[in-house]
Amino acid sequence: MGSMVFYYILFLLAASEVHCSNGDANQTLMHMLGFLKNKVNSNHLGCDVIILNPNNDNASINISSQDGQLRNVILQSLYAHTETFNQDFEVDGSGLSRKGIKVTSDRQLFVYGISRHTLGFEGFLSLPTHYQGNHYFVITGSSQSEFLIVGIYPGTCVHVLLRTTFTKVTYKGNSYKNGSTITEILNEYSTMKVYAAASDFTGTEIRSSRTVSVFNGNKLIGRNNGKNHLVEQLPPSDNWGQAYVTTGPIGFTYDCKIMSGFPNTCVNYTCSTNVTEYLDLPEAGSYRTLQFNNKTCFLTSNKPILVTILIFRDYDTRPCLITLPALEEVRYTMVYVPAAMDNAQLIIVTNENITVNNATDETILTYVECPSYINTCIHYVKILRRNQTYTIRSTKQHFVISAYIHGTRCKGNNCDDRGIGYPILYHTPKGNSEHKNVTCSESSGLPDSSTEDPSSPLVQNRSCQCCSSRNSTANYTKEDLAAMLTLLREKLYVHRKKTNMYIRSLISAPDYRVSSKVIGYTCGCVLGLLGICLVLLDIRNLLKMFKNIRRNIFSR
C-alpha cells in the first residue's frame, strides 16, 4: 500500500513546475491584499502586512493603496519587514469599497497578512497575482461567514453564485436568496465583501473576467470564551491538487473540509493501515466535513480538490483555519514566525531527509513520525522563536513537501490559546486566462431574480457511487457486445476532413497589417503585369488566328 501511494504522488508531480524562491530581476511581481474586519467592540488592534525577502540580494518593494504610494522599502536578503495599517483599511459590512493594498517588487517575496483584535487573531499567506485566477469556490465555517474579492485590474466583471445555509443574504441593501447571482464590476483596489451572521458560504462560486484576489473566513466563530476570527486567501480552482496529507499540530485536534471544483469527483482517504474510505462529490462546489481529530490521513482524488483544516485546542474552541497546500516539488522554501505568534509549530510533510535552519544556519531539532500507510514522514518542529526566519532544505536538489505553521496569539508577554496559522508555500500555478464569457450587463445579477426556490447547498451525501461502481459487474451477450463495439467505433472514429487541422489548411489566416497589404497588392500587380506581357507578346499571332477562324466560318 505504501509504495503504491509513493508512486502515485510522484505521478501527480511529474508534470509540475519547480517552486523557486528566487524571482526574476526583470519582472515586477505583485501581491494584492485585503483585510476582513473582525471588530466586535472598540478594542481594535489593526492589521499587519509582513514581507519576507528570501533572495540572496536586496529587494525593492513598493506598498500602495488607492490613495497612492504608501511606502517604498529596500529590504535586505533574508530579512522581514512589517507594515502596520489602521482599521480604515479593513472592510466591514456587506458591500463595495476601495481598501485593497498592493505590494510590488522586483523579486519574489513571501507576504503574510495578520489581523489582530482582542477577541480574534488570524493570518494568511498572500498569493502573488500570477498564482491567482478567475474561478474560485468559497469555503468557510458555520456562522458569521464572510468572503472578500479584491480587484487587481480595472473593469473586472465578477459573478458570485451564492450557496448559503441562511434564507437570504444582504448585499448593498438588496436581499439575495441561495442560488442567486451577485454581479459587480471591480477596479484596481476595489473590495467586494459579502457577510452573513448565520450562514455558511461553502460552495459559493466566484467567476471573473480578469484575475482577482479572494479571501474568506469567519468574523467570529467558536464557543464561549474560545471564539476566534478566521481568514485565509483562496487559491483558484485550477491551482488545486490531487494528493494531500492532513495532520494536526501536537496537542490539537482538527476537522477536515474537502471540496470539489469539478463534477464527479471521487476522493479516497486513508487514516490507518489497510483501511481506505471513499467520498463521492457529485458536483462542482460539493463538500464534506470529516472529523479526523488527531489522525494523520492521506487523501487522493481523480480530480483536483480543495482541502482546508479547522484546528481546535479543545472541541470547537480557539479555532484556526488553514488551507492546506497539496504535495509540491520544491528546491527549498522559507517561513517567517511573526512576533505576535507564540508556541509556533512547523508541520512538514515530505518523503526526504530535510533540515530546518534559522537565520544563523543553526539546525533545529524535529520530531518525526513516518506512518507506513502513506510512505512519507511528518516533521514536527516546535522550538521556533518569534520574529525569526527559517529555511527548509533537503540533500536532494528537489524534494516533495507540504507544510504549514500554527501557533497561538501573543500581545507582549501575555499569550493565550487563540490559534493563528497559514500554509508556507503555494501550489505551482497551472496558468490562467481572461474569461471572455464573464460579462456584466444591466439584466445580470438582479436580487431574487430566480423564480424557483434554489436548491440547497451542495453538501456531500453519504453514498459513494463513483467509487463503489468500480466493483460492479454485468453480463452481456455477444450481440450486445457487438452492438456496443459498433457504437463505440462510430463515436471514436475521426473523419479526416472534419478535423480542425484539415479545416485550417483550407483557410488563410487574415493579416491586417499595412505592410502585408502592400506586399499583397505588389505581388498581385506583378503577376497581373506578367500575364499581360505574355498576351502582348503573342498579340500578332492571336490576331492572325482570329482572322483565320473568321475566314473559315464565313467561307462555308
Foldseek 3Di string as FASTA:
>chain_A
DQVVLVVVVCVQFVPADADAQKFALVDKWKFKDAAADLDPDDQFDFKKKKKFAQDQAWKWKWKAFPVGTDDIDTGGHGAMDIDTDHCVLHDDDAEKDQRMMMMIISIHIWMKMWGDGPQATAIETIDIQQQAAFKAFDFEDFFFKKKKKAAQAFFKKKKKQFAKPDQWWDHPRFTAGHRFIAIDTHHHRMMGMTTDGGITRQLIMMGMQTTIKMKIYHSWWFDDSQIYTEMYTTGHQQQFGFKAKDFDAPQKFKKKKKFAQAAFKKKWKDQAPPDIDIFTQGGGRAMEIGGPTGTIMMMGMPGGMWMKMWIDNDPRGLTYIETWAGWHKYQKFKDAAAQFFPQKKKKKKWQADKFKAWPVRDTFDWDWDQHSRNNIIITIGGPDDHGTMIMMHGPDRMTIMIMKMKGWGDDVPDTDRNMYMYTRDGGRHPGYHGDPPRDDDPPGRDHPPDPDRDDHRNYTDPDHCSVVVVPDDDDDDPVVVVVVVVVVCVVPDDDPCPDPVNVVVVDDDDDPDPVVVVVVVVVVVVVVVVVVVVCVVCVVVVVVVVVVVVCVVVVD
